[in-house]
Amino acid sequence: MDKVEYAIENFKNMQELIRFADQKAGAIVVVYGFIVTATYESSKGLDLVAPSSTNINGLLTFVVGFGLVSIILYQIHFILCSILRPKLAGDYKPGDSCLYYFEHVAAKNKAEILSCFAKLDDNTMLSDVGSQIYEVSNTLTTKMIMVSKAITGLCWATALTVLYVVLGRLI
Protein backbone atom coordinates (compact mmCIF):
# COMPACT_ATOMS: atom_id res chain seq x y z
CA MET A 1 0.00 0.00 0.00
CA ASP A 2 1.48 3.34 -0.99
CA LYS A 3 1.10 6.62 0.90
CA VAL A 4 -1.86 7.87 -1.14
CA GLU A 5 -3.80 4.62 -0.69
CA TYR A 6 -3.03 4.66 3.02
CA ALA A 7 -4.23 8.27 3.32
CA ILE A 8 -7.43 7.46 1.40
CA GLU A 9 -8.14 4.50 3.69
CA ASN A 10 -7.57 6.77 6.70
CA PHE A 11 -9.99 9.30 5.25
CA LYS A 12 -12.64 6.62 4.57
CA ASN A 13 -12.30 5.33 8.13
CA MET A 14 -12.91 8.80 9.56
CA GLN A 15 -15.92 9.27 7.27
CA GLU A 16 -17.37 5.99 8.61
CA LEU A 17 -16.79 7.13 12.20
CA ILE A 18 -18.60 10.39 11.44
CA ARG A 19 -21.55 8.41 10.04
CA PHE A 20 -21.49 6.29 13.20
CA ALA A 21 -21.62 9.43 15.40
CA ASP A 22 -24.52 10.77 13.32
CA GLN A 23 -26.35 7.45 13.69
CA LYS A 24 -25.90 7.61 17.46
CA ALA A 25 -27.33 11.13 17.49
CA GLY A 26 -30.27 9.97 15.36
CA ALA A 27 -30.88 7.06 17.74
CA ILE A 28 -30.95 9.49 20.66
CA VAL A 29 -33.68 11.49 18.89
CA VAL A 30 -35.68 8.25 18.50
CA VAL A 31 -35.26 7.48 22.23
CA TYR A 32 -36.54 10.97 22.99
CA GLY A 33 -39.64 10.05 21.01
CA PHE A 34 -40.17 7.12 23.37
CA ILE A 35 -39.60 9.36 26.39
CA VAL A 36 -42.15 11.89 25.12
CA THR A 37 -44.65 9.06 24.55
CA ALA A 38 -44.06 7.61 28.03
CA THR A 39 -44.39 11.04 29.61
CA TYR A 40 -47.57 11.79 27.69
CA GLU A 41 -49.13 8.42 28.56
CA SER A 42 -48.26 8.78 32.25
CA SER A 43 -49.71 12.31 32.26
CA LYS A 44 -53.16 11.15 31.23
CA GLY A 45 -55.54 11.67 34.12
CA LEU A 46 -53.17 13.93 36.06
CA ASP A 47 -54.52 17.21 37.29
CA LEU A 48 -51.98 19.82 36.30
CA VAL A 49 -51.06 21.76 39.40
CA ALA A 50 -50.24 25.43 39.40
CA PRO A 51 -46.88 26.25 40.99
CA SER A 52 -48.64 28.08 43.84
CA SER A 53 -50.35 24.88 44.98
CA THR A 54 -49.78 23.59 48.49
CA ASN A 55 -49.74 19.94 47.34
CA ILE A 56 -46.03 19.07 47.52
CA ASN A 57 -46.32 15.99 45.26
CA GLY A 58 -48.21 18.01 42.66
CA LEU A 59 -45.66 20.81 42.85
CA LEU A 60 -42.73 18.37 42.53
CA THR A 61 -44.42 16.67 39.58
CA PHE A 62 -44.88 20.07 37.92
CA VAL A 63 -41.22 21.04 38.47
CA VAL A 64 -39.88 17.68 37.28
CA GLY A 65 -42.19 17.75 34.24
CA PHE A 66 -41.09 21.28 33.38
CA GLY A 67 -37.43 20.27 33.73
CA LEU A 68 -38.01 17.21 31.56
CA VAL A 69 -39.69 19.19 28.79
CA SER A 70 -36.89 21.78 28.94
CA ILE A 71 -34.17 19.13 28.62
CA ILE A 72 -35.94 17.37 25.76
CA LEU A 73 -36.46 20.59 23.79
CA TYR A 74 -32.87 21.70 24.37
CA GLN A 75 -31.45 18.28 23.47
CA ILE A 76 -33.43 17.93 20.26
CA HIS A 77 -32.35 21.42 19.21
CA PHE A 78 -28.73 20.60 20.15
CA ILE A 79 -28.73 17.31 18.24
CA LEU A 80 -30.36 18.71 15.10
CA CYS A 81 -28.53 22.04 14.96
CA SER A 82 -25.11 21.16 16.40
CA ILE A 83 -24.51 17.50 15.59
CA LEU A 84 -26.53 16.58 12.51
CA ARG A 85 -26.50 19.90 10.63
CA PRO A 86 -23.88 19.77 7.86
CA LYS A 87 -20.92 22.09 8.23
CA LEU A 88 -18.36 23.35 5.74
CA ALA A 89 -14.62 23.06 6.21
CA GLY A 90 -13.16 25.71 8.46
CA ASP A 91 -9.40 25.62 7.91
CA TYR A 92 -9.03 26.37 4.22
CA LYS A 93 -7.88 29.87 3.32
CA PRO A 94 -9.15 31.93 0.37
CA GLY A 95 -7.37 30.77 -2.75
CA ASP A 96 -6.75 27.23 -1.48
CA SER A 97 -7.61 24.54 -3.96
CA CYS A 98 -8.10 20.90 -3.04
CA LEU A 99 -9.62 18.44 -5.49
CA TYR A 100 -10.67 16.28 -2.55
CA TYR A 101 -12.94 19.00 -1.13
CA PHE A 102 -16.34 19.40 -2.80
CA GLU A 103 -16.60 23.15 -2.24
CA HIS A 104 -13.34 23.79 -4.11
CA VAL A 105 -14.39 21.49 -6.95
CA ALA A 106 -17.79 23.20 -7.22
CA ALA A 107 -16.09 26.62 -7.49
CA LYS A 108 -14.36 25.62 -10.75
CA ASN A 109 -15.79 24.87 -14.16
CA LYS A 110 -15.62 21.42 -15.72
CA ALA A 111 -12.61 22.21 -17.94
CA GLU A 112 -10.60 23.51 -14.97
CA ILE A 113 -11.38 20.39 -12.95
CA LEU A 114 -10.37 18.06 -15.79
CA SER A 115 -7.15 20.02 -16.25
CA CYS A 116 -6.37 19.85 -12.52
CA PHE A 117 -6.91 16.08 -12.50
CA ALA A 118 -4.68 15.65 -15.55
CA LYS A 119 -1.83 17.51 -13.80
CA LEU A 120 -2.07 15.58 -10.51
CA ASP A 121 1.05 13.95 -9.13
CA ASP A 122 1.44 11.73 -6.05
CA ASN A 123 2.57 14.60 -3.80
CA THR A 124 -0.44 16.73 -4.72
CA MET A 125 -2.79 13.79 -4.18
CA LEU A 126 -1.22 13.06 -0.81
CA SER A 127 -1.46 16.74 0.15
CA ASP A 128 -5.13 16.96 -0.92
CA VAL A 129 -6.12 13.82 0.96
CA GLY A 130 -4.05 14.89 3.97
CA SER A 131 -5.77 18.28 4.15
CA GLN A 132 -9.16 16.55 4.03
CA ILE A 133 -8.08 14.10 6.74
CA TYR A 134 -7.25 17.10 8.90
CA GLU A 135 -10.67 18.69 8.25
CA VAL A 136 -12.56 15.45 8.81
CA SER A 137 -10.64 14.66 12.00
CA ASN A 138 -11.70 18.01 13.45
CA THR A 139 -15.30 17.30 12.48
CA LEU A 140 -15.11 13.82 14.03
CA THR A 141 -13.61 15.09 17.28
CA THR A 142 -16.28 17.77 17.63
CA LYS A 143 -19.09 15.32 16.83
CA MET A 144 -17.86 12.75 19.35
CA ILE A 145 -17.71 15.37 22.11
CA MET A 146 -21.22 16.57 21.24
CA VAL A 147 -22.64 13.03 21.05
CA SER A 148 -21.17 12.35 24.48
CA LYS A 149 -22.95 15.46 25.81
CA ALA A 150 -26.18 14.34 24.14
CA ILE A 151 -25.90 10.94 25.83
CA THR A 152 -25.40 12.65 29.20
CA GLY A 153 -28.53 14.73 28.52
CA LEU A 154 -30.40 11.55 27.61
CA CYS A 155 -29.40 10.00 30.96
CA TRP A 156 -30.78 13.05 32.78
CA ALA A 157 -33.97 12.99 30.72
CA THR A 158 -34.43 9.29 31.45
CA ALA A 159 -33.98 9.88 35.19
CA LEU A 160 -36.45 12.77 35.14
CA THR A 161 -38.92 10.63 33.18
CA VAL A 162 -38.80 7.90 35.81
CA LEU A 163 -39.15 10.47 38.59
CA TYR A 164 -42.06 12.13 36.76
CA VAL A 165 -43.89 8.82 36.31
CA VAL A 166 -43.35 7.88 39.97
CA LEU A 167 -44.47 11.28 41.25
CA GLY A 168 -47.48 11.18 38.91
CA ARG A 169 -48.56 7.90 40.50
CA LEU A 170 -48.36 9.46 43.98
CA ILE A 171 -50.72 12.33 43.17
C-alpha atoms as a PDB file:
ATOM      1  CA  MET A   1       0.000   0.000   0.000  1.00  0.00           C
ATOM      2  CA  ASP A   2       1.475   3.339  -0.987  1.00  0.00           C
ATOM      3  CA  LYS A   3       1.098   6.620   0.901  1.00  0.00           C
ATOM      4  CA  VAL A   4      -1.858   7.873  -1.141  1.00  0.00           C
ATOM      5  CA  GLU A   5      -3.798   4.617  -0.692  1.00  0.00           C
ATOM      6  CA  TYR A   6      -3.025   4.660   3.023  1.00  0.00           C
ATOM      7  CA  ALA A   7      -4.232   8.265   3.318  1.00  0.00           C
ATOM      8  CA  ILE A   8      -7.429   7.464   1.402  1.00  0.00           C
ATOM      9  CA  GLU A   9      -8.143   4.495   3.690  1.00  0.00           C
ATOM     10  CA  ASN A  10      -7.571   6.766   6.701  1.00  0.00           C
ATOM     11  CA  PHE A  11      -9.995   9.304   5.246  1.00  0.00           C
ATOM     12  CA  LYS A  12     -12.636   6.624   4.567  1.00  0.00           C
ATOM     13  CA  ASN A  13     -12.297   5.333   8.134  1.00  0.00           C
ATOM     14  CA  MET A  14     -12.910   8.801   9.562  1.00  0.00           C
ATOM     15  CA  GLN A  15     -15.917   9.275   7.274  1.00  0.00           C
ATOM     16  CA  GLU A  16     -17.367   5.987   8.605  1.00  0.00           C
ATOM     17  CA  LEU A  17     -16.793   7.125  12.196  1.00  0.00           C
ATOM     18  CA  ILE A  18     -18.602  10.395  11.439  1.00  0.00           C
ATOM     19  CA  ARG A  19     -21.548   8.412  10.039  1.00  0.00           C
ATOM     20  CA  PHE A  20     -21.494   6.289  13.204  1.00  0.00           C
ATOM     21  CA  ALA A  21     -21.617   9.426  15.397  1.00  0.00           C
ATOM     22  CA  ASP A  22     -24.522  10.774  13.316  1.00  0.00           C
ATOM     23  CA  GLN A  23     -26.348   7.453  13.689  1.00  0.00           C
ATOM     24  CA  LYS A  24     -25.901   7.613  17.464  1.00  0.00           C
ATOM     25  CA  ALA A  25     -27.331  11.133  17.493  1.00  0.00           C
ATOM     26  CA  GLY A  26     -30.271   9.973  15.365  1.00  0.00           C
ATOM     27  CA  ALA A  27     -30.878   7.062  17.739  1.00  0.00           C
ATOM     28  CA  ILE A  28     -30.950   9.489  20.663  1.00  0.00           C
ATOM     29  CA  VAL A  29     -33.681  11.485  18.894  1.00  0.00           C
ATOM     30  CA  VAL A  30     -35.681   8.247  18.501  1.00  0.00           C
ATOM     31  CA  VAL A  31     -35.259   7.480  22.225  1.00  0.00           C
ATOM     32  CA  TYR A  32     -36.537  10.965  22.994  1.00  0.00           C
ATOM     33  CA  GLY A  33     -39.643  10.053  21.008  1.00  0.00           C
ATOM     34  CA  PHE A  34     -40.174   7.116  23.366  1.00  0.00           C
ATOM     35  CA  ILE A  35     -39.599   9.359  26.386  1.00  0.00           C
ATOM     36  CA  VAL A  36     -42.148  11.891  25.125  1.00  0.00           C
ATOM     37  CA  THR A  37     -44.652   9.059  24.549  1.00  0.00           C
ATOM     38  CA  ALA A  38     -44.055   7.610  28.026  1.00  0.00           C
ATOM     39  CA  THR A  39     -44.387  11.036  29.613  1.00  0.00           C
ATOM     40  CA  TYR A  40     -47.568  11.786  27.694  1.00  0.00           C
ATOM     41  CA  GLU A  41     -49.129   8.422  28.564  1.00  0.00           C
ATOM     42  CA  SER A  42     -48.265   8.780  32.253  1.00  0.00           C
ATOM     43  CA  SER A  43     -49.711  12.308  32.257  1.00  0.00           C
ATOM     44  CA  LYS A  44     -53.160  11.151  31.228  1.00  0.00           C
ATOM     45  CA  GLY A  45     -55.544  11.672  34.117  1.00  0.00           C
ATOM     46  CA  LEU A  46     -53.174  13.930  36.055  1.00  0.00           C
ATOM     47  CA  ASP A  47     -54.523  17.211  37.287  1.00  0.00           C
ATOM     48  CA  LEU A  48     -51.985  19.820  36.304  1.00  0.00           C
ATOM     49  CA  VAL A  49     -51.056  21.764  39.403  1.00  0.00           C
ATOM     50  CA  ALA A  50     -50.244  25.433  39.398  1.00  0.00           C
ATOM     51  CA  PRO A  51     -46.879  26.252  40.993  1.00  0.00           C
ATOM     52  CA  SER A  52     -48.639  28.076  43.844  1.00  0.00           C
ATOM     53  CA  SER A  53     -50.348  24.877  44.977  1.00  0.00           C
ATOM     54  CA  THR A  54     -49.780  23.594  48.493  1.00  0.00           C
ATOM     55  CA  ASN A  55     -49.741  19.940  47.344  1.00  0.00           C
ATOM     56  CA  ILE A  56     -46.025  19.068  47.517  1.00  0.00           C
ATOM     57  CA  ASN A  57     -46.321  15.991  45.257  1.00  0.00           C
ATOM     58  CA  GLY A  58     -48.208  18.010  42.662  1.00  0.00           C
ATOM     59  CA  LEU A  59     -45.658  20.809  42.852  1.00  0.00           C
ATOM     60  CA  LEU A  60     -42.730  18.374  42.532  1.00  0.00           C
ATOM     61  CA  THR A  61     -44.424  16.667  39.583  1.00  0.00           C
ATOM     62  CA  PHE A  62     -44.880  20.068  37.920  1.00  0.00           C
ATOM     63  CA  VAL A  63     -41.225  21.041  38.472  1.00  0.00           C
ATOM     64  CA  VAL A  64     -39.880  17.682  37.280  1.00  0.00           C
ATOM     65  CA  GLY A  65     -42.185  17.752  34.238  1.00  0.00           C
ATOM     66  CA  PHE A  66     -41.085  21.280  33.384  1.00  0.00           C
ATOM     67  CA  GLY A  67     -37.432  20.273  33.730  1.00  0.00           C
ATOM     68  CA  LEU A  68     -38.008  17.210  31.561  1.00  0.00           C
ATOM     69  CA  VAL A  69     -39.689  19.194  28.791  1.00  0.00           C
ATOM     70  CA  SER A  70     -36.887  21.776  28.944  1.00  0.00           C
ATOM     71  CA  ILE A  71     -34.168  19.131  28.624  1.00  0.00           C
ATOM     72  CA  ILE A  72     -35.942  17.368  25.764  1.00  0.00           C
ATOM     73  CA  LEU A  73     -36.461  20.586  23.786  1.00  0.00           C
ATOM     74  CA  TYR A  74     -32.873  21.699  24.365  1.00  0.00           C
ATOM     75  CA  GLN A  75     -31.449  18.277  23.473  1.00  0.00           C
ATOM     76  CA  ILE A  76     -33.428  17.926  20.256  1.00  0.00           C
ATOM     77  CA  HIS A  77     -32.351  21.423  19.212  1.00  0.00           C
ATOM     78  CA  PHE A  78     -28.734  20.602  20.153  1.00  0.00           C
ATOM     79  CA  ILE A  79     -28.727  17.307  18.238  1.00  0.00           C
ATOM     80  CA  LEU A  80     -30.364  18.706  15.097  1.00  0.00           C
ATOM     81  CA  CYS A  81     -28.528  22.038  14.957  1.00  0.00           C
ATOM     82  CA  SER A  82     -25.114  21.158  16.401  1.00  0.00           C
ATOM     83  CA  ILE A  83     -24.513  17.499  15.594  1.00  0.00           C
ATOM     84  CA  LEU A  84     -26.533  16.579  12.507  1.00  0.00           C
ATOM     85  CA  ARG A  85     -26.501  19.898  10.635  1.00  0.00           C
ATOM     86  CA  PRO A  86     -23.881  19.767   7.859  1.00  0.00           C
ATOM     87  CA  LYS A  87     -20.920  22.094   8.228  1.00  0.00           C
ATOM     88  CA  LEU A  88     -18.361  23.345   5.737  1.00  0.00           C
ATOM     89  CA  ALA A  89     -14.616  23.064   6.210  1.00  0.00           C
ATOM     90  CA  GLY A  90     -13.159  25.714   8.462  1.00  0.00           C
ATOM     91  CA  ASP A  91      -9.402  25.620   7.913  1.00  0.00           C
ATOM     92  CA  TYR A  92      -9.033  26.374   4.223  1.00  0.00           C
ATOM     93  CA  LYS A  93      -7.880  29.866   3.322  1.00  0.00           C
ATOM     94  CA  PRO A  94      -9.150  31.931   0.369  1.00  0.00           C
ATOM     95  CA  GLY A  95      -7.372  30.774  -2.752  1.00  0.00           C
ATOM     96  CA  ASP A  96      -6.751  27.227  -1.477  1.00  0.00           C
ATOM     97  CA  SER A  97      -7.611  24.539  -3.965  1.00  0.00           C
ATOM     98  CA  CYS A  98      -8.101  20.902  -3.043  1.00  0.00           C
ATOM     99  CA  LEU A  99      -9.618  18.440  -5.486  1.00  0.00           C
ATOM    100  CA  TYR A 100     -10.673  16.275  -2.551  1.00  0.00           C
ATOM    101  CA  TYR A 101     -12.939  19.003  -1.129  1.00  0.00           C
ATOM    102  CA  PHE A 102     -16.337  19.402  -2.796  1.00  0.00           C
ATOM    103  CA  GLU A 103     -16.598  23.154  -2.241  1.00  0.00           C
ATOM    104  CA  HIS A 104     -13.342  23.787  -4.111  1.00  0.00           C
ATOM    105  CA  VAL A 105     -14.392  21.486  -6.952  1.00  0.00           C
ATOM    106  CA  ALA A 106     -17.794  23.203  -7.216  1.00  0.00           C
ATOM    107  CA  ALA A 107     -16.089  26.616  -7.486  1.00  0.00           C
ATOM    108  CA  LYS A 108     -14.363  25.616 -10.754  1.00  0.00           C
ATOM    109  CA  ASN A 109     -15.787  24.872 -14.161  1.00  0.00           C
ATOM    110  CA  LYS A 110     -15.619  21.423 -15.722  1.00  0.00           C
ATOM    111  CA  ALA A 111     -12.606  22.205 -17.939  1.00  0.00           C
ATOM    112  CA  GLU A 112     -10.597  23.513 -14.967  1.00  0.00           C
ATOM    113  CA  ILE A 113     -11.376  20.386 -12.949  1.00  0.00           C
ATOM    114  CA  LEU A 114     -10.374  18.062 -15.789  1.00  0.00           C
ATOM    115  CA  SER A 115      -7.152  20.024 -16.245  1.00  0.00           C
ATOM    116  CA  CYS A 116      -6.365  19.850 -12.515  1.00  0.00           C
ATOM    117  CA  PHE A 117      -6.905  16.081 -12.495  1.00  0.00           C
ATOM    118  CA  ALA A 118      -4.684  15.651 -15.547  1.00  0.00           C
ATOM    119  CA  LYS A 119      -1.834  17.513 -13.797  1.00  0.00           C
ATOM    120  CA  LEU A 120      -2.072  15.578 -10.512  1.00  0.00           C
ATOM    121  CA  ASP A 121       1.046  13.947  -9.126  1.00  0.00           C
ATOM    122  CA  ASP A 122       1.444  11.734  -6.047  1.00  0.00           C
ATOM    123  CA  ASN A 123       2.574  14.597  -3.801  1.00  0.00           C
ATOM    124  CA  THR A 124      -0.440  16.730  -4.720  1.00  0.00           C
ATOM    125  CA  MET A 125      -2.787  13.792  -4.182  1.00  0.00           C
ATOM    126  CA  LEU A 126      -1.223  13.065  -0.812  1.00  0.00           C
ATOM    127  CA  SER A 127      -1.463  16.740   0.147  1.00  0.00           C
ATOM    128  CA  ASP A 128      -5.130  16.959  -0.924  1.00  0.00           C
ATOM    129  CA  VAL A 129      -6.118  13.822   0.964  1.00  0.00           C
ATOM    130  CA  GLY A 130      -4.052  14.889   3.971  1.00  0.00           C
ATOM    131  CA  SER A 131      -5.767  18.282   4.150  1.00  0.00           C
ATOM    132  CA  GLN A 132      -9.163  16.551   4.031  1.00  0.00           C
ATOM    133  CA  ILE A 133      -8.076  14.099   6.736  1.00  0.00           C
ATOM    134  CA  TYR A 134      -7.245  17.103   8.896  1.00  0.00           C
ATOM    135  CA  GLU A 135     -10.666  18.692   8.246  1.00  0.00           C
ATOM    136  CA  VAL A 136     -12.559  15.447   8.808  1.00  0.00           C
ATOM    137  CA  SER A 137     -10.638  14.658  12.000  1.00  0.00           C
ATOM    138  CA  ASN A 138     -11.699  18.011  13.451  1.00  0.00           C
ATOM    139  CA  THR A 139     -15.305  17.296  12.484  1.00  0.00           C
ATOM    140  CA  LEU A 140     -15.111  13.824  14.027  1.00  0.00           C
ATOM    141  CA  THR A 141     -13.608  15.088  17.283  1.00  0.00           C
ATOM    142  CA  THR A 142     -16.285  17.772  17.632  1.00  0.00           C
ATOM    143  CA  LYS A 143     -19.094  15.322  16.832  1.00  0.00           C
ATOM    144  CA  MET A 144     -17.856  12.748  19.346  1.00  0.00           C
ATOM    145  CA  ILE A 145     -17.710  15.369  22.105  1.00  0.00           C
ATOM    146  CA  MET A 146     -21.220  16.571  21.243  1.00  0.00           C
ATOM    147  CA  VAL A 147     -22.645  13.031  21.046  1.00  0.00           C
ATOM    148  CA  SER A 148     -21.174  12.353  24.479  1.00  0.00           C
ATOM    149  CA  LYS A 149     -22.947  15.463  25.809  1.00  0.00           C
ATOM    150  CA  ALA A 150     -26.182  14.343  24.140  1.00  0.00           C
ATOM    151  CA  ILE A 151     -25.902  10.936  25.828  1.00  0.00           C
ATOM    152  CA  THR A 152     -25.404  12.653  29.197  1.00  0.00           C
ATOM    153  CA  GLY A 153     -28.526  14.729  28.515  1.00  0.00           C
ATOM    154  CA  LEU A 154     -30.401  11.547  27.614  1.00  0.00           C
ATOM    155  CA  CYS A 155     -29.405  10.004  30.957  1.00  0.00           C
ATOM    156  CA  TRP A 156     -30.780  13.053  32.783  1.00  0.00           C
ATOM    157  CA  ALA A 157     -33.971  12.994  30.724  1.00  0.00           C
ATOM    158  CA  THR A 158     -34.433   9.291  31.453  1.00  0.00           C
ATOM    159  CA  ALA A 159     -33.977   9.877  35.190  1.00  0.00           C
ATOM    160  CA  LEU A 160     -36.451  12.765  35.136  1.00  0.00           C
ATOM    161  CA  THR A 161     -38.925  10.628  33.180  1.00  0.00           C
ATOM    162  CA  VAL A 162     -38.797   7.896  35.806  1.00  0.00           C
ATOM    163  CA  LEU A 163     -39.154  10.471  38.592  1.00  0.00           C
ATOM    164  CA  TYR A 164     -42.055  12.132  36.764  1.00  0.00           C
ATOM    165  CA  VAL A 165     -43.888   8.823  36.312  1.00  0.00           C
ATOM    166  CA  VAL A 166     -43.346   7.876  39.973  1.00  0.00           C
ATOM    167  CA  LEU A 167     -44.472  11.276  41.249  1.00  0.00           C
ATOM    168  CA  GLY A 168     -47.478  11.184  38.915  1.00  0.00           C
ATOM    169  CA  ARG A 169     -48.556   7.899  40.503  1.00  0.00           C
ATOM    170  CA  LEU A 170     -48.356   9.462  43.983  1.00  0.00           C
ATOM    171  CA  ILE A 171     -50.721  12.334  43.169  1.00  0.00           C
END
